[in-house]
């Protein structure tokens, strides 16, 4: 897809970028929908999508984490981080659902508080612990939009880039 960056490609971005943060393992393919929505609103926006289909034996954990760290930082400097907390689609017994996303959300909540990093949080009905996340974000980060649909989350992310 045009203007979408996938792992493991690491490049510097000189334009607006939206990082699609949120669950991958056990989640539906929400990133494809988000890309379509964002590019319908503005097809010039670069999107960093961490969901990549790997062939067996091709996935390298450290490379994936380094890619995500690089583009989360790029989005902090030149764009926005869009969290979509999709409800669990498929249960994986060997790991807690959205364990990495929950850690990253805490990290980016703090970055927003201390550096003003652009952050959008969308939470799908049925995402576990949503009530707590909404409460804490509204208390500590009242300027962070909390959305209830993927479409609204994408629209808010695009709007933030236009400011």
Foldseek 3Di string as FASTA:
>chain_A
DPQEDEPLDDDADPAAEEEEFEFDVQFDPVVVVLLVLLCVVPVVYHYYYHDDDDDVPGDDVVSSVVRNVRVVVNCQVHFAYFYEHGAGNGDDVVDDTGPVRVVVVVVVLVCCLPPVGHYEAEYEPRRPPPVVVVVVCCVRPVPHHYHHDSSVSSVVRSVVNVD
